[in-house]
Amino acid sequence: MKAVFDFVQGKLTYDEFETEFLIAPEIWDWIQNLVPDHIEDGDCDFRSYYTNMQGFEANNYKVKSTIMSFGYDNIHGHTLAHSLISALVQYHYPDVICRQPPKESISDMLEKTGLDYIGGREVDEIVQTIIIAYQDNLKEMKRCLKEKFHITSRKHPVWVQEPEWPLYNGNPMKFDSQKRDGEKYSYIFSDVYTGVVKIVTQYT
C-alpha cells in the first residue's frame, strides 16, 4: 500500500492520509495484517517497536479502533496514528525511515515558495524530499528547489495542464523555453551536464 509507506515516511500530511483511507478503506485491512499473530504474548518482539501498548490492548489490538478511539482529527489521534502505523511498518520493513508528516501538503508548500510550476511524475520524489527536509525553513526550501531545478531567473514553464518537469540521468533538466502551435504547447528542456534536449508536449 503506497499510501501507508508515504504516510509513515512523511510524504503525506495527516489530511491527505485521511483522504486516502476514506477513498480506500481496505487500507485498514492491510495495516491490520501487519499486526503479529502472537501480539498477545508478553515476549512478542513487536513490543520493542511500539511501547504504548495499553491503548492497543484495550482495543483488542485493532489498529483502526485504537486510532479512532483517540479521534483522528486531533493532535493525539494524529500522533497515535503515525506512531502505531510506523511501528507496524518498521516491524516488517526495518529499512523504512519514518518521519513526521509535513504540516501542509506538498502543493501548498510549493505555492508558498512561488514554485508551483515545479512538479510531475518524474520529479515528485525529489520535490518531496526537499520540502520535507526544509518544511520549517521556507527560504532555504526555495533556495534548494531553485538550485536543484536550475532556476536562475523568473523564466519558467507556464503549463496548460499539470506540471511534467522531466529528468535526465536522475537529475531535473533545465527549462529553456516554450512555444505554441495552435492547441499544441511545446516545453523545451535541456540537461545542464550533457546538453541533451527533451521536449514535453501538452494540449489545451
C-alpha atoms as a PDB file:
ATOM      1  CA  MET A   1       0.000   0.000   0.000  1.00  0.00           C
ATOM      2  CA  LYS A   2       1.878   3.040  -1.284  1.00  0.00           C
ATOM      3  CA  ALA A   3      -0.233   5.483   0.748  1.00  0.00           C
ATOM      4  CA  VAL A   4       0.801   3.793   4.005  1.00  0.00           C
ATOM      5  CA  PHE A   5       4.502   3.940   3.169  1.00  0.00           C
ATOM      6  CA  ASP A   6       4.177   7.559   2.027  1.00  0.00           C
ATOM      7  CA  PHE A   7       2.410   8.435   5.288  1.00  0.00           C
ATOM      8  CA  VAL A   8       4.974   6.881   7.627  1.00  0.00           C
ATOM      9  CA  GLN A   9       7.842   8.368   5.600  1.00  0.00           C
ATOM     10  CA  GLY A  10       6.352  11.840   5.949  1.00  0.00           C
ATOM     11  CA  LYS A  11       5.331  12.253   2.322  1.00  0.00           C
ATOM     12  CA  LEU A  12       1.623  12.723   3.092  1.00  0.00           C
ATOM     13  CA  THR A  13       0.017  15.119   5.525  1.00  0.00           C
ATOM     14  CA  TYR A  14      -2.475  13.767   8.035  1.00  0.00           C
ATOM     15  CA  ASP A  15      -5.321  15.212   5.965  1.00  0.00           C
ATOM     16  CA  GLU A  16      -4.015  13.607   2.786  1.00  0.00           C
ATOM     17  CA  PHE A  17      -3.724  10.239   4.515  1.00  0.00           C
ATOM     18  CA  GLU A  18      -7.273  10.596   5.822  1.00  0.00           C
ATOM     19  CA  THR A  19      -8.456  11.174   2.258  1.00  0.00           C
ATOM     20  CA  GLU A  20      -6.606   8.030   1.173  1.00  0.00           C
ATOM     21  CA  PHE A  21      -8.228   5.755   3.751  1.00  0.00           C
ATOM     22  CA  LEU A  22     -11.667   7.257   3.141  1.00  0.00           C
ATOM     23  CA  ILE A  23     -11.333   6.517  -0.567  1.00  0.00           C
ATOM     24  CA  ALA A  24      -9.783   3.088   0.009  1.00  0.00           C
ATOM     25  CA  PRO A  25     -10.958   1.698   3.386  1.00  0.00           C
ATOM     26  CA  GLU A  26      -9.141  -1.551   2.608  1.00  0.00           C
ATOM     27  CA  ILE A  27      -6.009   0.304   3.727  1.00  0.00           C
ATOM     28  CA  TRP A  28      -7.049  -0.546   7.296  1.00  0.00           C
ATOM     29  CA  ASP A  29      -7.192  -4.279   6.473  1.00  0.00           C
ATOM     30  CA  TRP A  30      -3.697  -4.106   5.007  1.00  0.00           C
ATOM     31  CA  ILE A  31      -2.356  -2.351   8.111  1.00  0.00           C
ATOM     32  CA  GLN A  32      -4.190  -4.777  10.422  1.00  0.00           C
ATOM     33  CA  ASN A  33      -2.471  -7.674   8.686  1.00  0.00           C
ATOM     34  CA  LEU A  34       0.847  -6.219   9.871  1.00  0.00           C
ATOM     35  CA  VAL A  35      -0.086  -6.935  13.487  1.00  0.00           C
ATOM     36  CA  PRO A  36       1.861 -10.046  14.592  1.00  0.00           C
ATOM     37  CA  ASP A  37      -0.209 -13.173  15.219  1.00  0.00           C
ATOM     38  CA  HIS A  38       1.465 -13.556  18.631  1.00  0.00           C
ATOM     39  CA  ILE A  39       0.828  -9.951  19.685  1.00  0.00           C
ATOM     40  CA  GLU A  40      -0.800 -11.085  22.941  1.00  0.00           C
ATOM     41  CA  ASP A  41       2.359 -12.859  24.092  1.00  0.00           C
ATOM     42  CA  GLY A  42       4.290 -10.877  26.661  1.00  0.00           C
ATOM     43  CA  ASP A  43       7.546 -11.624  24.876  1.00  0.00           C
ATOM     44  CA  CYS A  44       6.281 -10.573  21.420  1.00  0.00           C
ATOM     45  CA  ASP A  45       9.166  -8.629  19.917  1.00  0.00           C
ATOM     46  CA  PHE A  46       6.794  -6.038  18.423  1.00  0.00           C
ATOM     47  CA  ARG A  47       6.643  -4.516  21.906  1.00  0.00           C
ATOM     48  CA  SER A  48      10.177  -3.255  21.393  1.00  0.00           C
ATOM     49  CA  TYR A  49       8.962  -1.334  18.333  1.00  0.00           C
ATOM     50  CA  TYR A  50       5.874   0.121  19.985  1.00  0.00           C
ATOM     51  CA  THR A  51       5.862   0.967  23.665  1.00  0.00           C
ATOM     52  CA  ASN A  52       2.373   2.462  24.041  1.00  0.00           C
ATOM     53  CA  MET A  53       0.647  -0.908  24.263  1.00  0.00           C
ATOM     54  CA  GLN A  54      -2.043  -0.029  26.803  1.00  0.00           C
ATOM     55  CA  GLY A  55      -4.434   1.607  24.344  1.00  0.00           C
ATOM     56  CA  PHE A  56      -3.683  -1.070  21.740  1.00  0.00           C
ATOM     57  CA  GLU A  57      -4.547  -3.838  24.193  1.00  0.00           C
ATOM     58  CA  ALA A  58      -7.721  -2.044  25.302  1.00  0.00           C
ATOM     59  CA  ASN A  59      -8.923  -2.110  21.688  1.00  0.00           C
ATOM     60  CA  ASN A  60      -8.114  -5.807  21.197  1.00  0.00           C
ATOM     61  CA  TYR A  61      -5.116  -4.951  19.004  1.00  0.00           C
ATOM     62  CA  LYS A  62      -7.359  -3.460  16.299  1.00  0.00           C
ATOM     63  CA  VAL A  63      -5.426  -0.680  14.599  1.00  0.00           C
ATOM     64  CA  LYS A  64      -8.356   1.364  13.315  1.00  0.00           C
ATOM     65  CA  SER A  65     -10.297   1.095  16.592  1.00  0.00           C
ATOM     66  CA  THR A  66      -7.233   2.135  18.586  1.00  0.00           C
ATOM     67  CA  ILE A  67      -6.586   5.199  16.444  1.00  0.00           C
ATOM     68  CA  MET A  68     -10.225   6.268  16.192  1.00  0.00           C
ATOM     69  CA  SER A  69     -10.706   5.911  19.941  1.00  0.00           C
ATOM     70  CA  PHE A  70      -8.406   8.925  20.298  1.00  0.00           C
ATOM     71  CA  GLY A  71     -10.075  10.768  17.400  1.00  0.00           C
ATOM     72  CA  TYR A  72      -8.102  11.009  14.184  1.00  0.00           C
ATOM     73  CA  ASP A  73      -8.932  14.694  13.783  1.00  0.00           C
ATOM     74  CA  ASN A  74      -6.883  15.941  16.753  1.00  0.00           C
ATOM     75  CA  ILE A  75      -3.231  16.062  17.741  1.00  0.00           C
ATOM     76  CA  HIS A  76      -3.462  12.992  19.975  1.00  0.00           C
ATOM     77  CA  GLY A  77      -5.080  10.937  17.237  1.00  0.00           C
ATOM     78  CA  HIS A  78      -2.532  12.147  14.706  1.00  0.00           C
ATOM     79  CA  THR A  79       0.397  11.276  16.957  1.00  0.00           C
ATOM     80  CA  LEU A  80      -1.030   7.865  17.805  1.00  0.00           C
ATOM     81  CA  ALA A  81      -1.836   7.054  14.187  1.00  0.00           C
ATOM     82  CA  HIS A  82       1.644   7.853  12.951  1.00  0.00           C
ATOM     83  CA  SER A  83       3.487   6.143  15.809  1.00  0.00           C
ATOM     84  CA  LEU A  84       1.424   2.927  15.695  1.00  0.00           C
ATOM     85  CA  ILE A  85       1.372   2.567  11.917  1.00  0.00           C
ATOM     86  CA  SER A  86       5.077   3.441  11.710  1.00  0.00           C
ATOM     87  CA  ALA A  87       5.908   0.803  14.319  1.00  0.00           C
ATOM     88  CA  LEU A  88       3.979  -1.849  12.393  1.00  0.00           C
ATOM     89  CA  VAL A  89       5.637  -0.922   9.104  1.00  0.00           C
ATOM     90  CA  GLN A  90       9.129  -0.875  10.620  1.00  0.00           C
ATOM     91  CA  TYR A  91       8.493  -4.220  12.294  1.00  0.00           C
ATOM     92  CA  HIS A  92       8.097  -5.822   8.858  1.00  0.00           C
ATOM     93  CA  TYR A  93      10.212  -3.396   6.823  1.00  0.00           C
ATOM     94  CA  PRO A  94      13.083  -2.304   9.111  1.00  0.00           C
ATOM     95  CA  ASP A  95      14.828  -0.337   6.366  1.00  0.00           C
ATOM     96  CA  VAL A  96      11.950   2.136   6.058  1.00  0.00           C
ATOM     97  CA  ILE A  97      12.870   5.507   7.560  1.00  0.00           C
ATOM     98  CA  CYS A  98       9.869   7.061   9.283  1.00  0.00           C
ATOM     99  CA  ARG A  99       9.376  10.816   9.575  1.00  0.00           C
ATOM    100  CA  GLN A 100       6.636  13.054  10.862  1.00  0.00           C
ATOM    101  CA  PRO A 101       4.245  14.175   8.103  1.00  0.00           C
ATOM    102  CA  PRO A 102       4.602  17.758   6.866  1.00  0.00           C
ATOM    103  CA  LYS A 103       2.267  20.370   8.325  1.00  0.00           C
ATOM    104  CA  GLU A 104       0.987  21.258   4.856  1.00  0.00           C
ATOM    105  CA  SER A 105       0.638  19.439   1.561  1.00  0.00           C
ATOM    106  CA  ILE A 106       3.446  19.442  -0.992  1.00  0.00           C
ATOM    107  CA  SER A 107       1.334  21.535  -3.390  1.00  0.00           C
ATOM    108  CA  ASP A 108       0.590  24.104  -0.670  1.00  0.00           C
ATOM    109  CA  MET A 109       4.280  24.380   0.201  1.00  0.00           C
ATOM    110  CA  LEU A 110       5.225  24.817  -3.458  1.00  0.00           C
ATOM    111  CA  GLU A 111       2.610  27.540  -3.794  1.00  0.00           C
ATOM    112  CA  LYS A 112       4.077  29.324  -0.777  1.00  0.00           C
ATOM    113  CA  THR A 113       7.505  29.357  -2.393  1.00  0.00           C
ATOM    114  CA  GLY A 114       6.054  30.605  -5.675  1.00  0.00           C
ATOM    115  CA  LEU A 115       7.451  27.499  -7.400  1.00  0.00           C
ATOM    116  CA  ASP A 116       4.192  25.638  -8.010  1.00  0.00           C
ATOM    117  CA  TYR A 117       5.158  25.170 -11.669  1.00  0.00           C
ATOM    118  CA  ILE A 118       7.679  22.546 -10.482  1.00  0.00           C
ATOM    119  CA  GLY A 119       6.354  19.002 -10.379  1.00  0.00           C
ATOM    120  CA  GLY A 120       5.389  15.943 -12.335  1.00  0.00           C
ATOM    121  CA  ARG A 121       5.648  12.186 -12.044  1.00  0.00           C
ATOM    122  CA  GLU A 122       9.374  12.075 -12.812  1.00  0.00           C
ATOM    123  CA  VAL A 123      10.438  14.672 -10.237  1.00  0.00           C
ATOM    124  CA  ASP A 124       7.825  14.346  -7.476  1.00  0.00           C
ATOM    125  CA  GLU A 125      10.096  12.275  -5.224  1.00  0.00           C
ATOM    126  CA  ILE A 126      12.876  14.857  -5.478  1.00  0.00           C
ATOM    127  CA  VAL A 127      10.434  17.666  -4.691  1.00  0.00           C
ATOM    128  CA  GLN A 128       9.009  15.777  -1.708  1.00  0.00           C
ATOM    129  CA  THR A 129      12.453  15.077  -0.274  1.00  0.00           C
ATOM    130  CA  ILE A 130      13.442  18.744  -0.401  1.00  0.00           C
ATOM    131  CA  ILE A 131      10.156  20.005   1.029  1.00  0.00           C
ATOM    132  CA  ILE A 132      10.176  17.524   3.901  1.00  0.00           C
ATOM    133  CA  ALA A 133      13.792  18.379   4.719  1.00  0.00           C
ATOM    134  CA  TYR A 134      13.148  22.128   4.806  1.00  0.00           C
ATOM    135  CA  GLN A 135       9.488  22.323   5.821  1.00  0.00           C
ATOM    136  CA  ASP A 136      10.382  24.625   8.731  1.00  0.00           C
ATOM    137  CA  ASN A 137      12.610  26.898   6.644  1.00  0.00           C
ATOM    138  CA  LEU A 138      10.734  28.284   3.645  1.00  0.00           C
ATOM    139  CA  LYS A 139      13.642  30.437   2.478  1.00  0.00           C
ATOM    140  CA  GLU A 140      16.063  27.503   2.403  1.00  0.00           C
ATOM    141  CA  MET A 141      13.429  25.293   0.771  1.00  0.00           C
ATOM    142  CA  LYS A 142      13.017  27.786  -2.061  1.00  0.00           C
ATOM    143  CA  ARG A 143      16.786  28.158  -2.480  1.00  0.00           C
ATOM    144  CA  CYS A 144      17.308  24.408  -2.641  1.00  0.00           C
ATOM    145  CA  LEU A 145      14.449  23.847  -5.117  1.00  0.00           C
ATOM    146  CA  LYS A 146      15.697  26.609  -7.418  1.00  0.00           C
ATOM    147  CA  GLU A 147      19.211  25.207  -7.305  1.00  0.00           C
ATOM    148  CA  LYS A 148      18.085  21.625  -7.959  1.00  0.00           C
ATOM    149  CA  PHE A 149      15.880  22.677 -10.876  1.00  0.00           C
ATOM    150  CA  HIS A 150      18.412  25.150 -12.322  1.00  0.00           C
ATOM    151  CA  ILE A 151      16.118  28.156 -11.968  1.00  0.00           C
ATOM    152  CA  THR A 152      18.231  31.306 -12.222  1.00  0.00           C
ATOM    153  CA  SER A 153      15.658  33.829 -13.460  1.00  0.00           C
ATOM    154  CA  ARG A 154      11.920  34.425 -13.489  1.00  0.00           C
ATOM    155  CA  LYS A 155      11.603  32.344 -16.643  1.00  0.00           C
ATOM    156  CA  HIS A 156       9.577  29.187 -16.042  1.00  0.00           C
ATOM    157  CA  PRO A 157       7.122  26.913 -17.865  1.00  0.00           C
ATOM    158  CA  VAL A 158       3.501  28.048 -17.960  1.00  0.00           C
ATOM    159  CA  TRP A 159       1.810  24.679 -18.131  1.00  0.00           C
ATOM    160  CA  VAL A 160      -1.587  24.313 -19.771  1.00  0.00           C
ATOM    161  CA  GLN A 161      -2.044  21.018 -17.909  1.00  0.00           C
ATOM    162  CA  GLU A 162      -0.367  19.636 -14.777  1.00  0.00           C
ATOM    163  CA  PRO A 163       3.413  20.124 -14.462  1.00  0.00           C
ATOM    164  CA  GLU A 164       5.543  17.498 -16.257  1.00  0.00           C
ATOM    165  CA  TRP A 165       9.091  18.536 -15.415  1.00  0.00           C
ATOM    166  CA  PRO A 166      11.464  15.947 -16.947  1.00  0.00           C
ATOM    167  CA  LEU A 167      14.542  14.176 -15.595  1.00  0.00           C
ATOM    168  CA  TYR A 168      17.706  13.104 -17.351  1.00  0.00           C
ATOM    169  CA  ASN A 169      20.084  10.638 -15.691  1.00  0.00           C
ATOM    170  CA  GLY A 170      18.155  11.104 -12.462  1.00  0.00           C
ATOM    171  CA  ASN A 171      18.511  14.906 -12.395  1.00  0.00           C
ATOM    172  CA  PRO A 172      15.930  17.619 -13.144  1.00  0.00           C
ATOM    173  CA  MET A 173      16.516  19.247 -16.502  1.00  0.00           C
ATOM    174  CA  LYS A 174      16.730  22.995 -17.059  1.00  0.00           C
ATOM    175  CA  PHE A 175      13.775  24.791 -18.598  1.00  0.00           C
ATOM    176  CA  ASP A 176      14.830  26.715 -21.721  1.00  0.00           C
ATOM    177  CA  SER A 177      11.709  27.916 -23.500  1.00  0.00           C
ATOM    178  CA  GLN A 178       8.205  27.121 -24.653  1.00  0.00           C
ATOM    179  CA  LYS A 179       6.256  27.693 -27.831  1.00  0.00           C
ATOM    180  CA  ARG A 180       2.694  27.371 -29.021  1.00  0.00           C
ATOM    181  CA  ASP A 181       1.316  25.985 -32.260  1.00  0.00           C
ATOM    182  CA  GLY A 182      -2.457  26.246 -32.126  1.00  0.00           C
ATOM    183  CA  GLU A 183      -3.610  23.963 -29.325  1.00  0.00           C
ATOM    184  CA  LYS A 184      -0.163  22.388 -29.026  1.00  0.00           C
ATOM    185  CA  TYR A 185       2.307  23.665 -26.441  1.00  0.00           C
ATOM    186  CA  SER A 186       5.929  22.532 -26.523  1.00  0.00           C
ATOM    187  CA  TYR A 187       8.204  22.918 -23.495  1.00  0.00           C
ATOM    188  CA  ILE A 188      11.914  22.660 -24.224  1.00  0.00           C
ATOM    189  CA  PHE A 189      14.279  21.394 -21.514  1.00  0.00           C
ATOM    190  CA  SER A 190      17.970  20.570 -21.602  1.00  0.00           C
ATOM    191  CA  ASP A 191      20.389  18.652 -19.406  1.00  0.00           C
ATOM    192  CA  VAL A 192      22.927  21.078 -17.938  1.00  0.00           C
ATOM    193  CA  TYR A 193      25.656  18.415 -17.966  1.00  0.00           C
ATOM    194  CA  THR A 194      25.309  16.895 -21.439  1.00  0.00           C
ATOM    195  CA  GLY A 195      23.198  19.338 -23.433  1.00  0.00           C
ATOM    196  CA  VAL A 196      20.636  16.627 -24.225  1.00  0.00           C
ATOM    197  CA  VAL A 197      17.272  18.182 -25.095  1.00  0.00           C
ATOM    198  CA  LYS A 198      13.798  16.931 -24.209  1.00  0.00           C
ATOM    199  CA  ILE A 199      10.521  18.399 -25.406  1.00  0.00           C
ATOM    200  CA  VAL A 200       7.372  17.990 -23.308  1.00  0.00           C
ATOM    201  CA  THR A 201       4.135  18.412 -25.270  1.00  0.00           C
ATOM    202  CA  GLN A 202       0.753  19.398 -23.876  1.00  0.00           C
ATOM    203  CA  TYR A 203      -2.549  20.335 -25.493  1.00  0.00           C
ATOM    204  CA  THR A 204      -5.263  22.735 -24.431  1.00  0.00           C
END
